[in-house]
């Protein structure tokens, strides 16, 4: 579906280790023309590695992740992309 909004879509990144939750959120964001999903990652480390070159407006962050926690990842992310808003 084409974006009918006068504004460009919100660029989003998702970090969620639970595959069912991640897939549900990917489907929900994909069905909404107001969002452009730049990537969905199962770990903070994967997202940090892949984020180079991306300019998300919003990062949807799970706090309880394997390895690096969502809190640690948010701190690193804010150093890399201070303009990005993080929703936990």
N, C-alpha and C. Protein backbone atom coordinates (compact mmCIF):
# COMPACT_ATOMS: atom_id res chain seq x y z
N UNK A 1 0.84 -1.17 0.00
CA UNK A 1 0.00 0.00 0.00
C UNK A 1 0.90 1.24 0.00
N UNK A 2 0.56 2.21 -0.82
CA UNK A 2 1.34 3.43 -0.92
C UNK A 2 1.04 4.36 0.25
N UNK A 3 2.08 5.03 0.73
CA UNK A 3 1.95 5.96 1.85
C UNK A 3 1.11 7.16 1.42
N UNK A 4 -0.05 7.33 2.02
CA UNK A 4 -0.95 8.45 1.71
C UNK A 4 -0.69 9.66 2.60
N UNK A 5 0.17 9.50 3.57
CA UNK A 5 0.49 10.57 4.50
C UNK A 5 1.32 11.64 3.81
N UNK A 6 1.18 12.90 4.21
CA UNK A 6 2.02 13.94 3.63
C UNK A 6 3.46 13.89 4.13
N UNK A 7 3.73 13.04 5.13
CA UNK A 7 5.06 12.89 5.70
C UNK A 7 5.69 11.60 5.22
N UNK A 8 7.00 11.59 5.15
CA UNK A 8 7.67 10.33 4.77
C UNK A 8 7.51 9.30 5.88
N UNK A 9 7.66 8.02 5.56
CA UNK A 9 7.50 6.99 6.59
C UNK A 9 8.58 7.10 7.67
N UNK A 10 8.23 6.64 8.86
CA UNK A 10 9.15 6.58 9.98
C UNK A 10 10.05 5.37 9.78
N UNK A 11 11.35 5.59 9.75
CA UNK A 11 12.31 4.50 9.58
C UNK A 11 12.55 3.85 10.94
N UNK A 12 12.32 2.53 11.00
CA UNK A 12 12.39 1.83 12.27
C UNK A 12 13.33 0.63 12.19
N UNK A 13 13.92 0.31 13.34
CA UNK A 13 14.73 -0.90 13.52
C UNK A 13 14.17 -1.61 14.75
N UNK A 14 14.16 -2.92 14.70
CA UNK A 14 13.62 -3.73 15.78
C UNK A 14 14.70 -4.66 16.33
N UNK A 15 14.81 -4.74 17.66
CA UNK A 15 15.71 -5.68 18.31
C UNK A 15 14.89 -6.48 19.31
N UNK A 16 14.67 -7.76 18.99
CA UNK A 16 13.82 -8.64 19.81
C UNK A 16 14.30 -10.07 19.64
N UNK A 17 14.64 -10.75 20.73
CA UNK A 17 15.16 -12.11 20.62
C UNK A 17 14.08 -13.17 20.50
N UNK A 18 12.88 -12.91 20.96
CA UNK A 18 11.80 -13.88 20.85
C UNK A 18 11.27 -13.88 19.42
N UNK A 19 11.47 -14.98 18.71
CA UNK A 19 11.15 -15.03 17.29
C UNK A 19 9.67 -14.76 17.02
N UNK A 20 8.78 -15.25 17.87
CA UNK A 20 7.34 -15.01 17.65
C UNK A 20 6.99 -13.54 17.80
N UNK A 21 7.53 -12.91 18.82
CA UNK A 21 7.28 -11.48 19.03
C UNK A 21 7.88 -10.67 17.89
N UNK A 22 9.12 -11.01 17.51
CA UNK A 22 9.80 -10.30 16.43
C UNK A 22 9.01 -10.41 15.12
N UNK A 23 8.57 -11.62 14.79
CA UNK A 23 7.82 -11.81 13.55
C UNK A 23 6.48 -11.07 13.57
N UNK A 24 5.83 -11.05 14.74
CA UNK A 24 4.57 -10.31 14.87
C UNK A 24 4.77 -8.82 14.67
N UNK A 25 5.83 -8.29 15.28
CA UNK A 25 6.11 -6.86 15.12
C UNK A 25 6.54 -6.52 13.70
N UNK A 26 7.30 -7.39 13.08
CA UNK A 26 7.68 -7.18 11.67
C UNK A 26 6.42 -7.13 10.80
N UNK A 27 5.49 -8.05 11.03
CA UNK A 27 4.25 -8.07 10.25
C UNK A 27 3.42 -6.81 10.50
N UNK A 28 3.32 -6.40 11.76
CA UNK A 28 2.54 -5.20 12.08
C UNK A 28 3.14 -3.95 11.45
N UNK A 29 4.46 -3.81 11.57
CA UNK A 29 5.11 -2.63 10.99
C UNK A 29 5.05 -2.67 9.46
N UNK A 30 5.20 -3.86 8.89
CA UNK A 30 5.15 -4.00 7.44
C UNK A 30 3.78 -3.68 6.86
N UNK A 31 2.74 -3.88 7.65
CA UNK A 31 1.38 -3.62 7.20
C UNK A 31 0.99 -2.15 7.36
N UNK A 32 1.84 -1.37 8.00
CA UNK A 32 1.53 0.03 8.26
C UNK A 32 2.35 0.91 7.33
N UNK A 33 1.68 1.63 6.48
CA UNK A 33 2.36 2.47 5.49
C UNK A 33 3.14 3.63 6.10
N UNK A 34 2.92 3.91 7.37
CA UNK A 34 3.63 5.01 8.02
C UNK A 34 5.02 4.62 8.51
N UNK A 35 5.36 3.32 8.37
CA UNK A 35 6.67 2.84 8.83
C UNK A 35 7.43 2.18 7.69
N UNK A 36 8.75 2.34 7.74
CA UNK A 36 9.66 1.61 6.87
C UNK A 36 10.60 0.85 7.79
N UNK A 37 10.50 -0.48 7.80
CA UNK A 37 11.33 -1.30 8.67
C UNK A 37 12.68 -1.51 7.99
N UNK A 38 13.73 -0.97 8.60
CA UNK A 38 15.08 -1.07 8.05
C UNK A 38 15.76 -2.40 8.41
N UNK A 39 15.31 -3.02 9.49
CA UNK A 39 15.90 -4.28 9.90
C UNK A 39 15.30 -4.78 11.19
N UNK A 40 15.34 -6.10 11.36
CA UNK A 40 14.87 -6.74 12.59
C UNK A 40 15.96 -7.72 13.02
N UNK A 41 16.38 -7.60 14.25
CA UNK A 41 17.55 -8.34 14.75
C UNK A 41 17.20 -9.10 16.02
N UNK A 42 17.85 -10.27 16.19
CA UNK A 42 17.59 -11.10 17.36
C UNK A 42 18.54 -10.82 18.51
N UNK A 43 19.57 -10.00 18.26
CA UNK A 43 20.50 -9.66 19.35
C UNK A 43 21.00 -8.24 19.18
N UNK A 44 21.45 -7.68 20.28
CA UNK A 44 22.02 -6.33 20.27
C UNK A 44 23.27 -6.30 19.41
N UNK A 45 24.08 -7.35 19.52
CA UNK A 45 25.33 -7.41 18.76
C UNK A 45 25.06 -7.39 17.26
N UNK A 46 24.05 -8.14 16.82
CA UNK A 46 23.71 -8.15 15.39
C UNK A 46 23.26 -6.77 14.92
N UNK A 47 22.45 -6.11 15.74
CA UNK A 47 21.97 -4.78 15.36
C UNK A 47 23.12 -3.78 15.31
N UNK A 48 24.00 -3.78 16.30
CA UNK A 48 25.13 -2.85 16.33
C UNK A 48 26.01 -3.05 15.09
N UNK A 49 26.23 -4.31 14.71
CA UNK A 49 27.05 -4.61 13.54
C UNK A 49 26.38 -4.12 12.24
N UNK A 50 25.07 -4.25 12.16
CA UNK A 50 24.34 -3.93 10.93
C UNK A 50 23.92 -2.47 10.82
N UNK A 51 23.93 -1.73 11.91
CA UNK A 51 23.36 -0.38 11.91
C UNK A 51 24.19 0.62 11.12
N UNK A 52 25.46 0.32 10.90
CA UNK A 52 26.32 1.23 10.14
C UNK A 52 25.70 1.52 8.78
N UNK A 53 25.52 2.78 8.49
CA UNK A 53 24.93 3.18 7.22
C UNK A 53 23.43 3.35 7.26
N UNK A 54 22.79 2.87 8.32
CA UNK A 54 21.35 3.06 8.46
C UNK A 54 21.06 4.31 9.27
N UNK A 55 19.95 4.93 9.01
CA UNK A 55 19.57 6.13 9.75
C UNK A 55 18.12 5.99 10.26
N UNK A 56 17.92 5.11 11.23
CA UNK A 56 16.56 4.94 11.75
C UNK A 56 16.13 6.16 12.57
N UNK A 57 14.85 6.43 12.52
CA UNK A 57 14.26 7.45 13.39
C UNK A 57 13.96 6.85 14.75
N UNK A 58 13.56 5.55 14.74
CA UNK A 58 13.10 4.87 15.94
C UNK A 58 13.72 3.49 16.01
N UNK A 59 14.13 3.08 17.23
CA UNK A 59 14.59 1.72 17.47
C UNK A 59 13.68 1.14 18.55
N UNK A 60 13.03 0.03 18.22
CA UNK A 60 12.20 -0.70 19.18
C UNK A 60 13.11 -1.73 19.83
N UNK A 61 13.38 -1.57 21.12
CA UNK A 61 14.41 -2.33 21.81
C UNK A 61 13.84 -3.21 22.92
N UNK A 62 14.14 -4.50 22.85
CA UNK A 62 13.86 -5.42 23.95
C UNK A 62 14.96 -5.20 24.99
N UNK A 63 14.62 -5.17 26.26
CA UNK A 63 15.63 -4.97 27.30
C UNK A 63 16.35 -6.26 27.68
N UNK A 64 15.63 -7.37 27.67
CA UNK A 64 16.22 -8.63 28.10
C UNK A 64 16.66 -9.44 26.88
N UNK A 65 17.88 -9.19 26.47
CA UNK A 65 18.46 -9.85 25.30
C UNK A 65 19.59 -10.76 25.73
N UNK A 66 19.87 -11.80 24.94
CA UNK A 66 21.04 -12.63 25.26
C UNK A 66 22.30 -11.84 24.97
N UNK A 67 23.35 -12.07 25.72
CA UNK A 67 24.58 -11.30 25.50
C UNK A 67 24.41 -9.88 26.00
N UNK A 68 24.66 -8.92 25.13
CA UNK A 68 24.51 -7.50 25.49
C UNK A 68 23.04 -7.20 25.77
N UNK A 69 22.77 -6.55 26.90
CA UNK A 69 21.38 -6.21 27.24
C UNK A 69 20.89 -5.05 26.39
N UNK A 70 19.58 -4.87 26.40
CA UNK A 70 18.99 -3.75 25.69
C UNK A 70 19.44 -2.41 26.25
N UNK A 71 19.71 -2.36 27.55
CA UNK A 71 20.19 -1.12 28.17
C UNK A 71 21.59 -0.79 27.66
N UNK A 72 22.48 -1.78 27.64
CA UNK A 72 23.83 -1.57 27.12
C UNK A 72 23.79 -1.19 25.64
N UNK A 73 22.93 -1.86 24.90
CA UNK A 73 22.81 -1.58 23.46
C UNK A 73 22.29 -0.16 23.23
N UNK A 74 21.34 0.26 24.02
CA UNK A 74 20.80 1.62 23.89
C UNK A 74 21.90 2.66 24.12
N UNK A 75 22.74 2.45 25.11
CA UNK A 75 23.84 3.38 25.38
C UNK A 75 24.78 3.45 24.19
N UNK A 76 25.16 2.31 23.61
CA UNK A 76 26.03 2.30 22.44
C UNK A 76 25.35 2.95 21.24
N UNK A 77 24.08 2.62 21.07
CA UNK A 77 23.32 3.16 19.95
C UNK A 77 23.24 4.69 20.01
N UNK A 78 23.01 5.22 21.20
CA UNK A 78 22.91 6.68 21.35
C UNK A 78 24.24 7.37 21.06
N UNK A 79 25.37 6.67 21.28
CA UNK A 79 26.67 7.23 20.89
C UNK A 79 26.79 7.25 19.37
N UNK A 80 26.30 6.21 18.72
CA UNK A 80 26.41 6.07 17.28
C UNK A 80 25.40 6.94 16.53
N UNK A 81 24.17 6.96 17.03
CA UNK A 81 23.07 7.66 16.37
C UNK A 81 22.29 8.47 17.39
N UNK A 82 22.83 9.59 17.83
CA UNK A 82 22.17 10.35 18.90
C UNK A 82 20.76 10.84 18.53
N UNK A 83 20.48 10.98 17.24
CA UNK A 83 19.17 11.48 16.83
C UNK A 83 18.08 10.39 16.90
N UNK A 84 18.47 9.13 16.96
CA UNK A 84 17.50 8.04 16.98
C UNK A 84 16.78 7.98 18.33
N UNK A 85 15.49 7.77 18.28
CA UNK A 85 14.70 7.61 19.49
C UNK A 85 14.58 6.11 19.79
N UNK A 86 14.74 5.73 21.04
CA UNK A 86 14.70 4.33 21.44
C UNK A 86 13.45 4.11 22.28
N UNK A 87 12.66 3.12 21.87
CA UNK A 87 11.46 2.74 22.62
C UNK A 87 11.72 1.35 23.17
N UNK A 88 11.55 1.20 24.49
CA UNK A 88 11.80 -0.11 25.11
C UNK A 88 10.49 -0.75 25.54
